[in-house]
Amino acid sequence: MLVLAAANVLTNRVLPGWIYIPWNVAVAVAIVVLARRVVTMPTMGLGEWRRGALWGVSLFTITLVLLLVAVAMPAFHDLYQDRRVDGGTATWVYHAFIRIPLGTALLEEVAFRGVLPALFAVRWGVLRGSVAASVLFGVWHVLPAINLNEDNEAIAKIFGHGPAGTVATVVFGVAGTTLAGLWWCWIRYRAHSVLATVLAHIATNSIAYTIAFVISR
């Protein structure tokens, strides 16, 4: 946990953007190596790749359909108006197909659906271990959520600007990602592979980023 906490602060407040991918991949490898002293690779969901891929492709398809349907709904359409997608085609390709899959989804799924649930389950069992890992997944998003109400106008309309809006946005973000973490932990154990949630995570982030990019054009 200390490794992840330090990595989160360094990523969001210290390190330059160009090192995001190699840094996060290195952190993912490091925590697996450390956890391997206590739990096995299959226990961390690092196996059964074929089963994980089947689950992941199914979830990817479902996510794609749901996000496309949401675009047609005015209430959700505004959520895609996000300043973070400013940039050209090269920026979109980098974020949607490289940065998100390798820099974000890989580390977060290995950490919060693989390593931490397996380690916590040794002491508390699978259910409580998954809950604990999901709560930490929510806390992991505190720093990324701090400026969300300033970057996304739809979020600002709901929670407002200024310190109060920021606090409300962060609380909402932590709660939402905690629930998402619980859902993905369930999928990871059903699929017996973290690959399923890696693909689902890529679908959620990369497709949403792509839709926001297209709308912003």
Protein backbone atom coordinates (compact mmCIF):
# COMPACT_ATOMS: atom_id res chain seq x y z
CA MET A 1 0.00 0.00 0.00
CA LEU A 2 2.86 2.36 0.77
CA VAL A 3 4.30 1.76 -2.70
CA LEU A 4 0.96 2.62 -4.31
CA ALA A 5 0.42 5.67 -2.09
CA ALA A 6 3.85 7.05 -2.98
CA ALA A 7 3.31 6.24 -6.66
CA ASN A 8 -0.03 8.08 -6.69
CA VAL A 9 1.39 11.26 -5.19
CA LEU A 10 4.43 11.20 -7.48
CA THR A 11 2.31 10.59 -10.57
CA ASN A 12 -0.21 13.35 -9.87
CA ARG A 13 2.02 15.98 -8.28
CA VAL A 14 5.70 15.43 -9.04
CA LEU A 15 6.64 13.43 -12.12
CA PRO A 16 6.49 14.88 -15.66
CA GLY A 17 3.77 13.61 -17.96
CA TRP A 18 6.12 11.83 -20.37
CA ILE A 19 7.13 9.28 -17.72
CA TYR A 20 3.54 8.31 -16.85
CA ILE A 21 3.46 5.04 -18.80
CA PRO A 22 6.90 3.58 -17.97
CA TRP A 23 6.50 4.64 -14.34
CA ASN A 24 3.10 2.99 -13.92
CA VAL A 25 4.19 -0.18 -15.70
CA ALA A 26 7.23 -0.36 -13.39
CA VAL A 27 4.99 0.12 -10.33
CA ALA A 28 2.68 -2.67 -11.54
CA VAL A 29 5.62 -5.04 -11.94
CA ALA A 30 7.06 -4.05 -8.56
CA ILE A 31 3.88 -4.70 -6.58
CA VAL A 32 3.40 -8.09 -8.26
CA VAL A 33 6.97 -9.08 -7.36
CA LEU A 34 6.44 -7.96 -3.76
CA ALA A 35 3.06 -9.68 -3.44
CA ARG A 36 4.45 -12.89 -4.94
CA ARG A 37 6.17 -13.51 -1.61
CA VAL A 38 2.77 -13.99 0.01
CA VAL A 39 0.29 -15.07 -2.69
CA THR A 40 0.51 -16.94 -5.98
CA MET A 41 0.08 -15.53 -9.47
CA PRO A 42 -3.31 -17.28 -10.03
CA THR A 43 -4.51 -15.95 -6.67
CA MET A 44 -3.81 -12.45 -7.98
CA GLY A 45 -5.83 -13.18 -11.11
CA LEU A 46 -2.70 -13.36 -13.24
CA GLY A 47 -3.69 -16.40 -15.24
CA GLU A 48 -6.54 -18.02 -17.18
CA TRP A 49 -5.97 -15.50 -19.96
CA ARG A 50 -8.38 -17.11 -22.42
CA ARG A 51 -11.29 -17.00 -19.96
CA GLY A 52 -10.34 -13.47 -18.98
CA ALA A 53 -10.23 -12.39 -22.62
CA LEU A 54 -13.71 -13.79 -23.30
CA TRP A 55 -15.13 -11.93 -20.32
CA GLY A 56 -13.21 -8.82 -21.23
CA VAL A 57 -14.33 -8.71 -24.86
CA SER A 58 -17.96 -9.19 -23.77
CA LEU A 59 -17.69 -6.36 -21.25
CA PHE A 60 -15.91 -4.16 -23.79
CA THR A 61 -18.80 -4.62 -26.23
CA ILE A 62 -21.48 -3.95 -23.61
CA THR A 63 -19.65 -0.82 -22.43
CA LEU A 64 -19.34 0.46 -25.99
CA VAL A 65 -23.08 0.08 -26.57
CA LEU A 66 -24.02 1.75 -23.27
CA LEU A 67 -21.71 4.72 -23.81
CA LEU A 68 -22.96 5.26 -27.35
CA VAL A 69 -26.56 5.18 -26.12
CA ALA A 70 -25.65 7.72 -23.42
CA VAL A 71 -24.39 10.14 -26.08
CA ALA A 72 -27.92 10.45 -27.46
CA MET A 73 -29.30 11.45 -24.04
CA PRO A 74 -28.97 15.20 -23.29
CA ALA A 75 -28.32 14.63 -19.60
CA PHE A 76 -25.30 12.46 -20.37
CA HIS A 77 -24.24 14.29 -23.51
CA ASP A 78 -23.09 17.29 -21.47
CA LEU A 79 -20.77 15.08 -19.41
CA TYR A 80 -18.63 14.55 -22.49
CA GLN A 81 -17.90 18.29 -22.69
CA ASP A 82 -14.49 18.03 -21.04
CA ARG A 83 -11.50 20.36 -21.34
CA ARG A 84 -9.11 17.44 -20.79
CA VAL A 85 -9.69 16.22 -24.37
CA ASP A 86 -8.30 19.39 -25.94
CA GLY A 87 -5.72 18.53 -28.58
CA GLY A 88 -5.38 17.04 -32.03
CA THR A 89 -5.70 13.55 -33.44
CA ALA A 90 -2.23 12.53 -32.28
CA THR A 91 -3.19 13.42 -28.69
CA TRP A 92 -6.37 11.37 -28.97
CA VAL A 93 -4.50 8.33 -30.32
CA TYR A 94 -1.90 8.59 -27.57
CA HIS A 95 -4.44 8.84 -24.74
CA ALA A 96 -7.05 6.37 -26.01
CA PHE A 97 -4.75 3.65 -27.30
CA ILE A 98 -1.51 3.99 -25.32
CA ARG A 99 -1.73 6.09 -22.15
CA ILE A 100 -5.04 4.75 -20.85
CA PRO A 101 -4.44 1.03 -21.60
CA LEU A 102 -0.80 0.86 -20.50
CA GLY A 103 -0.55 3.71 -18.03
CA THR A 104 -3.92 3.67 -16.28
CA ALA A 105 -5.90 0.45 -16.74
CA LEU A 106 -2.96 -1.92 -16.38
CA LEU A 107 -1.68 -0.55 -13.08
CA GLU A 108 -5.07 0.05 -11.49
CA GLU A 109 -6.40 -3.39 -12.36
CA VAL A 110 -3.25 -5.23 -11.32
CA ALA A 111 -3.21 -3.27 -8.06
CA PHE A 112 -6.88 -3.03 -7.05
CA ARG A 113 -8.36 -6.16 -8.64
CA GLY A 114 -5.28 -8.36 -8.50
CA VAL A 115 -2.66 -7.71 -5.84
CA LEU A 116 -4.56 -5.98 -3.02
CA PRO A 117 -7.68 -8.21 -3.01
CA ALA A 118 -5.44 -11.29 -2.96
CA LEU A 119 -3.32 -9.96 -0.09
CA PHE A 120 -6.33 -8.77 1.93
CA ALA A 121 -8.15 -12.07 1.33
CA VAL A 122 -5.37 -13.92 3.15
CA ARG A 123 -6.37 -12.16 6.37
CA TRP A 124 -10.01 -11.14 5.87
CA GLY A 125 -11.45 -13.40 3.19
CA VAL A 126 -12.44 -12.63 -0.39
CA LEU A 127 -15.49 -10.44 0.33
CA ARG A 128 -13.93 -8.14 2.91
CA GLY A 129 -10.68 -8.14 0.99
CA SER A 130 -12.52 -6.94 -2.11
CA VAL A 131 -14.33 -4.24 -0.13
CA ALA A 132 -11.07 -2.99 1.37
CA ALA A 133 -9.35 -2.93 -2.03
CA SER A 134 -12.31 -1.09 -3.57
CA VAL A 135 -12.32 1.58 -0.86
CA LEU A 136 -8.63 2.15 -1.52
CA PHE A 137 -9.42 2.34 -5.22
CA GLY A 138 -11.83 5.15 -4.40
CA VAL A 139 -9.22 6.96 -2.30
CA TRP A 140 -6.74 6.51 -5.17
CA HIS A 141 -8.93 8.87 -7.21
CA VAL A 142 -8.88 11.77 -4.74
CA LEU A 143 -6.02 13.61 -6.45
CA PRO A 144 -7.29 13.09 -10.03
CA ALA A 145 -10.76 14.30 -8.98
CA ILE A 146 -9.65 17.55 -7.36
CA ASN A 147 -9.87 19.61 -10.56
CA LEU A 148 -12.70 17.69 -12.20
CA ASN A 149 -15.36 20.33 -11.50
CA GLU A 150 -13.16 22.91 -13.20
CA ASP A 151 -12.45 20.74 -16.26
CA ASN A 152 -15.95 19.41 -16.86
CA GLU A 153 -18.77 21.93 -17.10
CA ALA A 154 -21.49 19.35 -16.52
CA ILE A 155 -19.85 18.35 -13.22
CA ALA A 156 -19.54 22.03 -12.32
CA LYS A 157 -23.27 22.53 -12.91
CA ILE A 158 -24.02 19.72 -10.46
CA PHE A 159 -21.50 20.44 -7.72
CA GLY A 160 -20.49 24.03 -8.41
CA HIS A 161 -17.12 25.77 -8.59
CA GLY A 162 -14.83 26.73 -5.75
CA PRO A 163 -13.75 24.77 -2.66
CA ALA A 164 -17.24 23.47 -1.82
CA GLY A 165 -17.69 22.20 -5.35
CA THR A 166 -14.29 20.56 -5.28
CA VAL A 167 -15.05 18.74 -2.02
CA ALA A 168 -18.42 17.53 -3.33
CA THR A 169 -16.83 16.39 -6.58
CA VAL A 170 -14.10 14.47 -4.77
CA VAL A 171 -16.59 12.76 -2.43
CA PHE A 172 -18.75 11.80 -5.40
CA GLY A 173 -15.71 10.56 -7.31
CA VAL A 174 -14.45 8.45 -4.42
CA ALA A 175 -17.88 6.92 -3.82
CA GLY A 176 -18.39 6.21 -7.52
CA THR A 177 -15.01 4.59 -8.04
CA THR A 178 -15.42 2.55 -4.86
CA LEU A 179 -18.65 1.08 -6.22
CA ALA A 180 -17.02 0.53 -9.61
CA GLY A 181 -14.18 -1.23 -7.82
CA LEU A 182 -16.58 -3.60 -6.09
CA TRP A 183 -18.25 -4.42 -9.41
CA TRP A 184 -14.93 -5.08 -11.11
CA CYS A 185 -13.71 -7.21 -8.18
CA TRP A 186 -16.78 -9.39 -8.65
CA ILE A 187 -16.01 -9.69 -12.36
CA ARG A 188 -12.36 -10.47 -11.70
CA TYR A 189 -13.26 -13.36 -9.41
CA ARG A 190 -15.95 -14.64 -11.75
CA ALA A 191 -13.56 -14.54 -14.69
CA HIS A 192 -10.64 -15.86 -12.63
CA SER A 193 -8.47 -13.35 -14.47
CA VAL A 194 -7.60 -9.69 -14.09
CA LEU A 195 -7.46 -9.47 -17.89
CA ALA A 196 -11.27 -9.24 -17.89
CA THR A 197 -11.27 -6.05 -15.84
CA VAL A 198 -8.29 -4.60 -17.69
CA LEU A 199 -10.30 -4.78 -20.92
CA ALA A 200 -13.42 -3.45 -19.21
CA HIS A 201 -11.43 -0.57 -17.74
CA ILE A 202 -9.93 0.27 -21.13
CA ALA A 203 -13.40 0.26 -22.65
CA THR A 204 -14.80 2.60 -19.99
CA ASN A 205 -11.98 5.14 -20.19
CA SER A 206 -10.82 4.97 -23.80
CA ILE A 207 -14.27 4.90 -25.38
CA ALA A 208 -15.48 7.75 -23.17
CA TYR A 209 -12.35 9.73 -24.06
CA THR A 210 -12.93 9.06 -27.76
CA ILE A 211 -16.57 10.15 -27.59
CA ALA A 212 -15.58 13.33 -25.74
CA PHE A 213 -12.90 13.99 -28.33
CA VAL A 214 -15.34 13.60 -31.21
CA ILE A 215 -17.94 15.83 -29.54
CA SER A 216 -15.34 18.50 -28.80
CA ARG A 217 -14.46 18.71 -32.49
